[in-house]
Amino acid sequence: MMPARERTPIDVLCVGETMAVLAPEDALPFRVGGPLALHVGGAESNVAGGLAAAGHRVAWASRVGRDAFGDLIVDELAASGIDVSYVERTSAPTGVYFKSPENDGVRPLYYRSGSAASTMDAPFADHLAERVQPRIVHVSGITAQISATGLELLRRVCVDRVFADALVSFDVNHRPALADAATPDALLALARAADVCFVGADEAARVWGCSAAQIPELLRGPRHLVVKDADVDAVEYTGAVLTRVPAARVEVVEPTGAGDAFAAGWLDAYLAGASAHVRLEAGHRRAALALTSHGDTSHGTGAR
């Protein structure tokens, strides 16, 4: 019998899709000959980057193509201090999306059908669990929305607890462009199964038709339920204890990535053993940095 492989202990493992992102440098609509900037975008890798910048041992795991965009993503995330040794390279292409500036904001244009990340599945989670031993594993609902196999991966992480005693952190991250009729129930089951759940009040209203006051009753299960109400406040429900911290007033440059930055700040404070009040303050502080920067997050990676 082969001896069991010793698992590598780390603080946080973030699992999910990251794509190449192209956006007009001058924030003007697309036009022939217009300048485009190339970035890296992924909710889970955003969180990983924030935690790595805070000095934590953090890894990001996904699948990317054996192509130039896959090279870019792996190299960029590694340069930001993230362990990328659990990334698998495949013959499927790396996903790409464009940021299209419009009168009412920025509209994402996704080109991810059949991407390498969309092939992530339950065996991928099993293989990771054989190799790494995280204190926290962070995932988001985006993975459930990009493919049926992605949903199975999240069920292995959140419901089956393939990472054993690791704290499971789940950001709902509903994406209307990806969702279908089964999405609300799938996200609800995953959120209830997690130890930590991040959800926006507007998001819960859109997905489940509930008010902010109804979210704690709907999402019974997580030890820590964090409800974010945009620029108003964030509330953490820990058992019967409610902690509320108002959001800071900032001049918003671009909102993309603020939720990921909030999660990174909250998890950073959690790892330090901070109180709920301090955790929410840390989340707001990181989110404010993302909101007031031209990049999608305060540490320079993208979001989607």
C-alpha atoms as a PDB file:
ATOM      1  CA  MET A   1       0.000   0.000   0.000  1.00  0.00           C
ATOM      2  CA  MET A   2       1.303   3.438  -0.928  1.00  0.00           C
ATOM      3  CA  PRO A   3       1.783   5.766   2.069  1.00  0.00           C
ATOM      4  CA  ALA A   4      -0.659   8.680   2.267  1.00  0.00           C
ATOM      5  CA  ARG A   5       0.749  11.920   0.924  1.00  0.00           C
ATOM      6  CA  GLU A   6       1.491  14.475   3.624  1.00  0.00           C
ATOM      7  CA  ARG A   7      -0.742  17.503   3.132  1.00  0.00           C
ATOM      8  CA  THR A   8       0.733  21.006   3.105  1.00  0.00           C
ATOM      9  CA  PRO A   9      -0.689  23.239   5.861  1.00  0.00           C
ATOM     10  CA  ILE A  10      -1.667  26.760   4.765  1.00  0.00           C
ATOM     11  CA  ASP A  11      -3.880  29.525   6.095  1.00  0.00           C
ATOM     12  CA  VAL A  12      -6.345  29.855   3.209  1.00  0.00           C
ATOM     13  CA  LEU A  13      -7.115  28.012  -0.019  1.00  0.00           C
ATOM     14  CA  CYS A  14      -9.193  29.952  -2.568  1.00  0.00           C
ATOM     15  CA  VAL A  15     -10.771  27.896  -5.360  1.00  0.00           C
ATOM     16  CA  GLY A  16     -12.441  29.358  -8.429  1.00  0.00           C
ATOM     17  CA  GLU A  17     -12.267  30.762 -11.927  1.00  0.00           C
ATOM     18  CA  THR A  18      -9.921  33.552 -12.999  1.00  0.00           C
ATOM     19  CA  MET A  19      -9.963  35.082 -16.465  1.00  0.00           C
ATOM     20  CA  ALA A  20      -8.043  37.502 -18.633  1.00  0.00           C
ATOM     21  CA  VAL A  21      -9.726  40.928 -18.608  1.00  0.00           C
ATOM     22  CA  LEU A  22      -9.509  43.610 -21.293  1.00  0.00           C
ATOM     23  CA  ALA A  23     -10.799  47.133 -20.761  1.00  0.00           C
ATOM     24  CA  PRO A  24     -10.404  50.483 -22.568  1.00  0.00           C
ATOM     25  CA  GLU A  25      -7.602  52.421 -20.898  1.00  0.00           C
ATOM     26  CA  ASP A  26      -9.433  55.713 -21.366  1.00  0.00           C
ATOM     27  CA  ALA A  27     -12.801  54.361 -20.079  1.00  0.00           C
ATOM     28  CA  LEU A  28     -14.394  55.268 -23.433  1.00  0.00           C
ATOM     29  CA  PRO A  29     -16.557  52.889 -25.495  1.00  0.00           C
ATOM     30  CA  PHE A  30     -14.784  50.323 -27.664  1.00  0.00           C
ATOM     31  CA  ARG A  31     -13.520  51.666 -30.962  1.00  0.00           C
ATOM     32  CA  VAL A  32     -11.094  50.458 -33.600  1.00  0.00           C
ATOM     33  CA  GLY A  33      -7.578  51.454 -32.617  1.00  0.00           C
ATOM     34  CA  GLY A  34      -8.620  52.394 -29.078  1.00  0.00           C
ATOM     35  CA  PRO A  35      -6.178  51.473 -26.291  1.00  0.00           C
ATOM     36  CA  LEU A  36      -6.984  48.368 -24.230  1.00  0.00           C
ATOM     37  CA  ALA A  37      -5.377  47.342 -20.935  1.00  0.00           C
ATOM     38  CA  LEU A  38      -4.959  43.677 -20.048  1.00  0.00           C
ATOM     39  CA  HIS A  39      -5.656  42.556 -16.491  1.00  0.00           C
ATOM     40  CA  VAL A  40      -6.400  39.427 -14.466  1.00  0.00           C
ATOM     41  CA  GLY A  41      -9.899  38.932 -13.034  1.00  0.00           C
ATOM     42  CA  GLY A  42     -11.312  36.418 -10.577  1.00  0.00           C
ATOM     43  CA  ALA A  43     -13.339  36.753  -7.373  1.00  0.00           C
ATOM     44  CA  GLU A  44     -11.512  34.012  -5.493  1.00  0.00           C
ATOM     45  CA  SER A  45      -8.059  35.090  -6.676  1.00  0.00           C
ATOM     46  CA  ASN A  46      -8.940  38.649  -5.603  1.00  0.00           C
ATOM     47  CA  VAL A  47      -9.522  37.352  -2.082  1.00  0.00           C
ATOM     48  CA  ALA A  48      -6.307  35.332  -2.274  1.00  0.00           C
ATOM     49  CA  GLY A  49      -4.371  38.432  -3.333  1.00  0.00           C
ATOM     50  CA  GLY A  50      -5.728  40.477  -0.451  1.00  0.00           C
ATOM     51  CA  LEU A  51      -4.821  37.778   2.059  1.00  0.00           C
ATOM     52  CA  ALA A  52      -1.354  37.276   0.565  1.00  0.00           C
ATOM     53  CA  ALA A  53      -0.747  41.037   0.805  1.00  0.00           C
ATOM     54  CA  ALA A  54      -1.652  40.786   4.492  1.00  0.00           C
ATOM     55  CA  GLY A  55       1.081  38.183   4.994  1.00  0.00           C
ATOM     56  CA  HIS A  56      -0.956  34.975   5.088  1.00  0.00           C
ATOM     57  CA  ARG A  57       0.030  31.669   3.506  1.00  0.00           C
ATOM     58  CA  VAL A  58      -2.573  31.490   0.768  1.00  0.00           C
ATOM     59  CA  ALA A  59      -3.017  29.367  -2.345  1.00  0.00           C
ATOM     60  CA  TRP A  60      -5.309  29.728  -5.315  1.00  0.00           C
ATOM     61  CA  ALA A  61      -6.480  26.629  -7.203  1.00  0.00           C
ATOM     62  CA  SER A  62      -8.243  26.446 -10.535  1.00  0.00           C
ATOM     63  CA  ARG A  63      -7.865  25.245 -14.089  1.00  0.00           C
ATOM     64  CA  VAL A  64      -6.508  27.486 -16.836  1.00  0.00           C
ATOM     65  CA  GLY A  65      -5.569  26.800 -20.423  1.00  0.00           C
ATOM     66  CA  ARG A  66      -2.153  26.002 -21.795  1.00  0.00           C
ATOM     67  CA  ASP A  67      -2.203  29.361 -23.534  1.00  0.00           C
ATOM     68  CA  ALA A  68      -0.819  32.866 -23.189  1.00  0.00           C
ATOM     69  CA  PHE A  69      -3.710  34.012 -20.985  1.00  0.00           C
ATOM     70  CA  GLY A  70      -3.165  31.035 -18.684  1.00  0.00           C
ATOM     71  CA  ASP A  71       0.523  31.958 -18.449  1.00  0.00           C
ATOM     72  CA  LEU A  72      -0.407  35.558 -17.666  1.00  0.00           C
ATOM     73  CA  ILE A  73      -2.789  34.595 -14.871  1.00  0.00           C
ATOM     74  CA  VAL A  74      -0.430  32.148 -13.189  1.00  0.00           C
ATOM     75  CA  ASP A  75       2.548  34.505 -13.420  1.00  0.00           C
ATOM     76  CA  GLU A  76       0.599  37.542 -12.204  1.00  0.00           C
ATOM     77  CA  LEU A  77      -0.886  35.774  -9.185  1.00  0.00           C
ATOM     78  CA  ALA A  78       2.417  34.137  -8.268  1.00  0.00           C
ATOM     79  CA  ALA A  79       4.097  37.556  -8.388  1.00  0.00           C
ATOM     80  CA  SER A  80       1.544  38.835  -5.838  1.00  0.00           C
ATOM     81  CA  GLY A  81       2.634  36.187  -3.329  1.00  0.00           C
ATOM     82  CA  ILE A  82      -0.054  33.583  -3.977  1.00  0.00           C
ATOM     83  CA  ASP A  83       0.882  29.891  -4.123  1.00  0.00           C
ATOM     84  CA  VAL A  84      -0.225  28.701  -7.578  1.00  0.00           C
ATOM     85  CA  SER A  85       1.200  25.184  -7.363  1.00  0.00           C
ATOM     86  CA  TYR A  86      -2.306  23.658  -7.221  1.00  0.00           C
ATOM     87  CA  VAL A  87      -3.375  25.134 -10.570  1.00  0.00           C
ATOM     88  CA  GLU A  88      -4.006  22.630 -13.350  1.00  0.00           C
ATOM     89  CA  ARG A  89      -3.272  23.476 -16.990  1.00  0.00           C
ATOM     90  CA  THR A  90      -5.553  21.923 -19.607  1.00  0.00           C
ATOM     91  CA  SER A  91      -6.145  21.922 -23.363  1.00  0.00           C
ATOM     92  CA  ALA A  92      -9.365  23.953 -22.918  1.00  0.00           C
ATOM     93  CA  PRO A  93      -8.938  27.723 -23.340  1.00  0.00           C
ATOM     94  CA  THR A  94      -8.630  30.260 -20.560  1.00  0.00           C
ATOM     95  CA  GLY A  95     -11.760  32.385 -20.186  1.00  0.00           C
ATOM     96  CA  VAL A  96     -11.732  36.028 -21.258  1.00  0.00           C
ATOM     97  CA  TYR A  97     -14.002  38.967 -20.562  1.00  0.00           C
ATOM     98  CA  PHE A  98     -14.171  42.572 -21.686  1.00  0.00           C
ATOM     99  CA  LYS A  99     -15.325  45.603 -19.691  1.00  0.00           C
ATOM    100  CA  SER A 100     -17.602  47.645 -21.918  1.00  0.00           C
ATOM    101  CA  PRO A 101     -17.989  51.261 -20.705  1.00  0.00           C
ATOM    102  CA  GLU A 102     -21.577  52.443 -21.063  1.00  0.00           C
ATOM    103  CA  ASN A 103     -23.615  55.439 -19.925  1.00  0.00           C
ATOM    104  CA  ASP A 104     -24.858  53.701 -16.777  1.00  0.00           C
ATOM    105  CA  GLY A 105     -21.563  52.062 -15.822  1.00  0.00           C
ATOM    106  CA  VAL A 106     -19.474  49.156 -17.051  1.00  0.00           C
ATOM    107  CA  ARG A 107     -21.046  46.083 -18.649  1.00  0.00           C
ATOM    108  CA  PRO A 108     -19.022  42.833 -18.685  1.00  0.00           C
ATOM    109  CA  LEU A 109     -18.867  40.817 -21.905  1.00  0.00           C
ATOM    110  CA  TYR A 110     -17.982  37.200 -21.079  1.00  0.00           C
ATOM    111  CA  TYR A 111     -16.249  34.672 -23.332  1.00  0.00           C
ATOM    112  CA  ARG A 112     -15.934  31.661 -21.041  1.00  0.00           C
ATOM    113  CA  SER A 113     -18.067  28.905 -22.620  1.00  0.00           C
ATOM    114  CA  GLY A 114     -16.052  25.681 -22.592  1.00  0.00           C
ATOM    115  CA  SER A 115     -13.233  27.309 -20.643  1.00  0.00           C
ATOM    116  CA  ALA A 116     -10.691  25.395 -18.600  1.00  0.00           C
ATOM    117  CA  ALA A 117     -12.199  26.679 -15.341  1.00  0.00           C
ATOM    118  CA  SER A 118     -15.663  25.472 -16.329  1.00  0.00           C
ATOM    119  CA  THR A 119     -14.326  21.892 -16.275  1.00  0.00           C
ATOM    120  CA  MET A 120     -13.519  22.014 -12.550  1.00  0.00           C
ATOM    121  CA  ASP A 121     -15.402  19.216 -10.818  1.00  0.00           C
ATOM    122  CA  ALA A 122     -15.756  17.132  -7.654  1.00  0.00           C
ATOM    123  CA  PRO A 123     -12.632  15.021  -8.374  1.00  0.00           C
ATOM    124  CA  PHE A 124     -10.672  18.276  -8.645  1.00  0.00           C
ATOM    125  CA  ALA A 125     -11.733  19.127  -5.079  1.00  0.00           C
ATOM    126  CA  ASP A 126     -10.868  15.606  -3.915  1.00  0.00           C
ATOM    127  CA  HIS A 127      -7.399  15.889  -5.429  1.00  0.00           C
ATOM    128  CA  LEU A 128      -6.814  19.237  -3.734  1.00  0.00           C
ATOM    129  CA  ALA A 129      -7.899  17.825  -0.371  1.00  0.00           C
ATOM    130  CA  GLU A 130      -5.263  15.100  -0.717  1.00  0.00           C
ATOM    131  CA  ARG A 131      -2.516  17.693  -1.136  1.00  0.00           C
ATOM    132  CA  VAL A 132      -3.304  20.721   1.007  1.00  0.00           C
ATOM    133  CA  GLN A 133      -4.601  21.311   4.532  1.00  0.00           C
ATOM    134  CA  PRO A 134      -6.048  24.836   4.795  1.00  0.00           C
ATOM    135  CA  ARG A 135      -7.392  26.485   7.915  1.00  0.00           C
ATOM    136  CA  ILE A 136      -9.964  28.175   5.667  1.00  0.00           C
ATOM    137  CA  VAL A 137     -11.199  27.279   2.189  1.00  0.00           C
ATOM    138  CA  HIS A 138     -12.870  30.158   0.355  1.00  0.00           C
ATOM    139  CA  VAL A 139     -15.210  29.645  -2.610  1.00  0.00           C
ATOM    140  CA  SER A 140     -17.978  31.585  -4.319  1.00  0.00           C
ATOM    141  CA  GLY A 141     -21.264  30.930  -6.062  1.00  0.00           C
ATOM    142  CA  ILE A 142     -19.759  31.905  -9.406  1.00  0.00           C
ATOM    143  CA  THR A 143     -18.271  28.412  -9.674  1.00  0.00           C
ATOM    144  CA  ALA A 144     -21.751  26.904  -9.347  1.00  0.00           C
ATOM    145  CA  GLN A 145     -23.032  29.149 -12.117  1.00  0.00           C
ATOM    146  CA  ILE A 146     -20.374  28.518 -14.772  1.00  0.00           C
ATOM    147  CA  SER A 147     -21.058  24.769 -15.105  1.00  0.00           C
ATOM    148  CA  ALA A 148     -22.846  21.764 -13.622  1.00  0.00           C
ATOM    149  CA  THR A 149     -19.491  20.257 -12.666  1.00  0.00           C
ATOM    150  CA  GLY A 150     -18.579  23.487 -10.884  1.00  0.00           C
ATOM    151  CA  LEU A 151     -21.690  23.088  -8.756  1.00  0.00           C
ATOM    152  CA  GLU A 152     -20.613  19.544  -7.896  1.00  0.00           C
ATOM    153  CA  LEU A 153     -17.206  20.883  -6.822  1.00  0.00           C
ATOM    154  CA  LEU A 154     -18.868  23.356  -4.458  1.00  0.00           C
ATOM    155  CA  ARG A 155     -21.070  20.644  -3.003  1.00  0.00           C
ATOM    156  CA  ARG A 156     -17.955  18.616  -2.216  1.00  0.00           C
ATOM    157  CA  VAL A 157     -16.427  21.633  -0.468  1.00  0.00           C
ATOM    158  CA  CYS A 158     -19.452  23.093   1.337  1.00  0.00           C
ATOM    159  CA  VAL A 159     -21.747  20.133   1.951  1.00  0.00           C
ATOM    160  CA  ASP A 160     -19.519  17.044   1.935  1.00  0.00           C
ATOM    161  CA  ARG A 161     -16.658  18.881   3.687  1.00  0.00           C
ATOM    162  CA  VAL A 162     -13.893  17.300   1.641  1.00  0.00           C
ATOM    163  CA  PHE A 163     -11.401  19.566   3.469  1.00  0.00           C
ATOM    164  CA  ALA A 164     -12.456  18.051   6.807  1.00  0.00           C
ATOM    165  CA  ASP A 165     -12.018  20.570   9.636  1.00  0.00           C
ATOM    166  CA  ALA A 166     -11.287  23.589   7.433  1.00  0.00           C
ATOM    167  CA  LEU A 167     -13.600  26.552   7.918  1.00  0.00           C
ATOM    168  CA  VAL A 168     -15.692  26.901   4.748  1.00  0.00           C
ATOM    169  CA  SER A 169     -16.141  30.494   3.580  1.00  0.00           C
ATOM    170  CA  PHE A 170     -18.743  31.067   0.860  1.00  0.00           C
ATOM    171  CA  ASP A 171     -19.543  34.293  -0.987  1.00  0.00           C
ATOM    172  CA  VAL A 172     -22.924  34.019  -2.739  1.00  0.00           C
ATOM    173  CA  ASN A 173     -21.787  36.121  -5.727  1.00  0.00           C
ATOM    174  CA  HIS A 174     -24.959  35.746  -7.793  1.00  0.00           C
ATOM    175  CA  ARG A 175     -24.385  36.644 -11.444  1.00  0.00           C
ATOM    176  CA  PRO A 176     -27.615  37.257 -13.409  1.00  0.00           C
ATOM    177  CA  ALA A 177     -25.841  36.696 -16.731  1.00  0.00           C
ATOM    178  CA  LEU A 178     -24.912  33.160 -15.643  1.00  0.00           C
ATOM    179  CA  ALA A 179     -27.904  32.148 -13.540  1.00  0.00           C
ATOM    180  CA  ASP A 180     -30.755  29.847 -14.552  1.00  0.00           C
ATOM    181  CA  ALA A 181     -33.958  28.649 -12.892  1.00  0.00           C
ATOM    182  CA  ALA A 182     -32.070  26.232 -10.628  1.00  0.00           C
ATOM    183  CA  THR A 183     -29.556  28.813  -9.394  1.00  0.00           C
ATOM    184  CA  PRO A 184     -31.498  30.209  -6.374  1.00  0.00           C
ATOM    185  CA  ASP A 185     -31.966  26.779  -4.785  1.00  0.00           C
ATOM    186  CA  ALA A 186     -28.387  25.752  -5.513  1.00  0.00           C
ATOM    187  CA  LEU A 187     -26.928  28.904  -3.966  1.00  0.00           C
ATOM    188  CA  LEU A 188     -29.269  28.642  -0.973  1.00  0.00           C
ATOM    189  CA  ALA A 189     -28.123  25.094  -0.172  1.00  0.00           C
ATOM    190  CA  LEU A 190     -24.461  26.066  -0.451  1.00  0.00           C
ATOM    191  CA  ALA A 191     -24.888  29.188   1.682  1.00  0.00           C
ATOM    192  CA  ARG A 192     -26.660  27.262   4.427  1.00  0.00           C
ATOM    193  CA  ALA A 193     -23.947  24.598   4.457  1.00  0.00           C
ATOM    194  CA  ALA A 194     -21.016  27.027   4.839  1.00  0.00           C
ATOM    195  CA  ASP A 195     -19.406  28.172   8.093  1.00  0.00           C
ATOM    196  CA  VAL A 196     -19.053  31.754   6.867  1.00  0.00           C
ATOM    197  CA  CYS A 197     -21.432  33.268   4.322  1.00  0.00           C
ATOM    198  CA  PHE A 198     -21.074  36.677   2.669  1.00  0.00           C
ATOM    199  CA  VAL A 199     -24.186  38.018   0.934  1.00  0.00           C
ATOM    200  CA  GLY A 200     -25.357  41.413  -0.271  1.00  0.00           C
ATOM    201  CA  ALA A 201     -28.790  42.614   0.830  1.00  0.00           C
ATOM    202  CA  ASP A 202     -29.605  43.578  -2.763  1.00  0.00           C
ATOM    203  CA  GLU A 203     -28.330  40.210  -3.930  1.00  0.00           C
ATOM    204  CA  ALA A 204     -30.580  38.301  -1.525  1.00  0.00           C
ATOM    205  CA  ALA A 205     -33.576  40.339  -2.699  1.00  0.00           C
ATOM    206  CA  ARG A 206     -32.751  39.566  -6.321  1.00  0.00           C
ATOM    207  CA  VAL A 207     -32.083  35.839  -5.864  1.00  0.00           C
ATOM    208  CA  TRP A 208     -34.509  34.819  -3.127  1.00  0.00           C
ATOM    209  CA  GLY A 209     -36.947  37.733  -2.959  1.00  0.00           C
ATOM    210  CA  CYS A 210     -36.268  38.410   0.711  1.00  0.00           C
ATOM    211  CA  SER A 211     -35.605  41.612   2.630  1.00  0.00           C
ATOM    212  CA  ALA A 212     -32.423  42.222   4.606  1.00  0.00           C
ATOM    213  CA  ALA A 213     -34.342  41.491   7.831  1.00  0.00           C
ATOM    214  CA  GLN A 214     -35.402  38.079   6.492  1.00  0.00           C
ATOM    215  CA  ILE A 215     -31.916  36.914   5.498  1.00  0.00           C
ATOM    216  CA  PRO A 216     -30.898  35.477   8.928  1.00  0.00           C
ATOM    217  CA  GLU A 217     -33.999  33.273   8.991  1.00  0.00           C
ATOM    218  CA  LEU A 218     -33.473  32.163   5.398  1.00  0.00           C
ATOM    219  CA  LEU A 219     -29.760  31.470   5.773  1.00  0.00           C
ATOM    220  CA  ARG A 220     -29.756  29.483   8.980  1.00  0.00           C
ATOM    221  CA  GLY A 221     -26.645  27.334   9.211  1.00  0.00           C
ATOM    222  CA  PRO A 222     -23.492  29.474   8.933  1.00  0.00           C
ATOM    223  CA  ARG A 223     -21.636  30.236  12.157  1.00  0.00           C
ATOM    224  CA  HIS A 224     -20.935  33.697  10.751  1.00  0.00           C
ATOM    225  CA  LEU A 225     -23.461  35.301   8.408  1.00  0.00           C
ATOM    226  CA  VAL A 226     -22.274  38.628   6.975  1.00  0.00           C
ATOM    227  CA  VAL A 227     -24.926  40.764   5.255  1.00  0.00           C
ATOM    228  CA  LYS A 228     -23.598  43.747   3.297  1.00  0.00           C
ATOM    229  CA  ASP A 229     -25.922  46.626   2.471  1.00  0.00           C
ATOM    230  CA  ALA A 230     -23.789  48.482  -0.110  1.00  0.00           C
ATOM    231  CA  ASP A 231     -22.833  51.941   1.203  1.00  0.00           C
ATOM    232  CA  VAL A 232     -25.064  51.680   4.287  1.00  0.00           C
ATOM    233  CA  ASP A 233     -23.566  49.076   6.617  1.00  0.00           C
ATOM    234  CA  ALA A 234     -22.544  45.471   7.142  1.00  0.00           C
ATOM    235  CA  VAL A 235     -24.093  43.199   9.757  1.00  0.00           C
ATOM    236  CA  GLU A 236     -22.602  40.010  11.162  1.00  0.00           C
ATOM    237  CA  TYR A 237     -24.866  37.431  12.780  1.00  0.00           C
ATOM    238  CA  THR A 238     -22.924  35.067  15.039  1.00  0.00           C
ATOM    239  CA  GLY A 239     -25.489  32.836  16.671  1.00  0.00           C
ATOM    240  CA  ALA A 240     -27.871  35.147  18.520  1.00  0.00           C
ATOM    241  CA  VAL A 241     -25.366  38.033  18.525  1.00  0.00           C
ATOM    242  CA  LEU A 242     -25.783  40.819  15.968  1.00  0.00           C
ATOM    243  CA  THR A 243     -22.948  43.246  15.188  1.00  0.00           C
ATOM    244  CA  ARG A 244     -23.483  46.218  12.863  1.00  0.00           C
ATOM    245  CA  VAL A 245     -20.813  48.556  11.469  1.00  0.00           C
ATOM    246  CA  PRO A 246     -21.681  51.469   9.129  1.00  0.00           C
ATOM    247  CA  ALA A 247     -19.855  51.696   5.811  1.00  0.00           C
ATOM    248  CA  ALA A 248     -17.400  54.525   5.277  1.00  0.00           C
ATOM    249  CA  ARG A 249     -18.422  57.330   2.922  1.00  0.00           C
ATOM    250  CA  VAL A 250     -16.123  57.271  -0.092  1.00  0.00           C
ATOM    251  CA  GLU A 251     -16.036  58.683  -3.620  1.00  0.00           C
ATOM    252  CA  VAL A 252     -16.591  55.587  -5.742  1.00  0.00           C
ATOM    253  CA  VAL A 253     -14.298  55.264  -8.752  1.00  0.00           C
ATOM    254  CA  GLU A 254     -15.357  51.731  -9.705  1.00  0.00           C
ATOM    255  CA  PRO A 255     -17.411  49.268  -7.614  1.00  0.00           C
ATOM    256  CA  THR A 256     -16.104  46.050  -9.159  1.00  0.00           C
ATOM    257  CA  GLY A 257     -14.140  43.933  -6.707  1.00  0.00           C
ATOM    258  CA  ALA A 258     -15.303  45.666  -3.528  1.00  0.00           C
ATOM    259  CA  GLY A 259     -17.090  42.543  -2.291  1.00  0.00           C
ATOM    260  CA  ASP A 260     -13.964  40.456  -2.755  1.00  0.00           C
ATOM    261  CA  ALA A 261     -11.903  43.058  -0.917  1.00  0.00           C
ATOM    262  CA  PHE A 262     -14.442  43.031   1.938  1.00  0.00           C
ATOM    263  CA  ALA A 263     -14.175  39.246   2.224  1.00  0.00           C
ATOM    264  CA  ALA A 264     -10.372  39.428   2.265  1.00  0.00           C
ATOM    265  CA  GLY A 265     -10.426  42.030   5.031  1.00  0.00           C
ATOM    266  CA  TRP A 266     -12.932  40.057   7.105  1.00  0.00           C
ATOM    267  CA  LEU A 267     -10.991  36.801   6.731  1.00  0.00           C
ATOM    268  CA  ASP A 268      -7.702  38.538   7.555  1.00  0.00           C
ATOM    269  CA  ALA A 269      -9.198  39.825  10.803  1.00  0.00           C
ATOM    270  CA  TYR A 270     -10.757  36.432  11.559  1.00  0.00           C
ATOM    271  CA  LEU A 271      -7.378  34.719  11.212  1.00  0.00           C
ATOM    272  CA  ALA A 272      -5.976  37.247  13.676  1.00  0.00           C
ATOM    273  CA  GLY A 273      -8.655  36.306  16.220  1.00  0.00           C
ATOM    274  CA  ALA A 274     -10.380  39.701  16.044  1.00  0.00           C
ATOM    275  CA  SER A 275     -13.911  40.444  17.255  1.00  0.00           C
ATOM    276  CA  ALA A 276     -16.921  40.699  14.957  1.00  0.00           C
ATOM    277  CA  HIS A 277     -16.780  44.500  15.122  1.00  0.00           C
ATOM    278  CA  VAL A 278     -13.129  44.541  14.067  1.00  0.00           C
ATOM    279  CA  ARG A 279     -13.793  41.971  11.335  1.00  0.00           C
ATOM    280  CA  LEU A 280     -16.500  44.170   9.808  1.00  0.00           C
ATOM    281  CA  GLU A 281     -14.324  47.276  10.116  1.00  0.00           C
ATOM    282  CA  ALA A 282     -11.519  45.450   8.315  1.00  0.00           C
ATOM    283  CA  GLY A 283     -13.915  44.425   5.562  1.00  0.00           C
ATOM    284  CA  HIS A 284     -15.151  47.983   5.086  1.00  0.00           C
ATOM    285  CA  ARG A 285     -11.587  49.331   5.050  1.00  0.00           C
ATOM    286  CA  ARG A 286     -10.489  46.924   2.300  1.00  0.00           C
ATOM    287  CA  ALA A 287     -13.663  47.521   0.302  1.00  0.00           C
ATOM    288  CA  ALA A 288     -13.116  51.288   0.456  1.00  0.00           C
ATOM    289  CA  LEU A 289      -9.638  50.887  -1.018  1.00  0.00           C
ATOM    290  CA  ALA A 290     -11.097  48.900  -3.923  1.00  0.00           C
ATOM    291  CA  LEU A 291     -13.942  51.363  -4.464  1.00  0.00           C
ATOM    292  CA  THR A 292     -11.591  54.341  -4.680  1.00  0.00           C
ATOM    293  CA  SER A 293      -9.041  52.782  -7.051  1.00  0.00           C
ATOM    294  CA  HIS A 294      -9.101  52.327 -10.812  1.00  0.00           C
ATOM    295  CA  GLY A 295      -8.065  48.698 -10.445  1.00  0.00           C
ATOM    296  CA  ASP A 296     -10.729  46.211  -9.404  1.00  0.00           C
ATOM    297  CA  THR A 297      -9.085  45.613  -6.045  1.00  0.00           C
ATOM    298  CA  SER A 298      -6.682  47.464  -3.818  1.00  0.00           C
ATOM    299  CA  HIS A 299      -3.850  45.023  -4.515  1.00  0.00           C
ATOM    300  CA  GLY A 300      -4.002  45.196  -8.290  1.00  0.00           C
ATOM    301  CA  THR A 301      -5.744  42.026  -9.488  1.00  0.00           C
ATOM    302  CA  GLY A 302      -9.112  42.038 -11.197  1.00  0.00           C
ATOM    303  CA  ALA A 303     -12.614  40.826 -10.510  1.00  0.00           C
ATOM    304  CA  ARG A 304     -15.551  39.493 -12.401  1.00  0.00           C
END
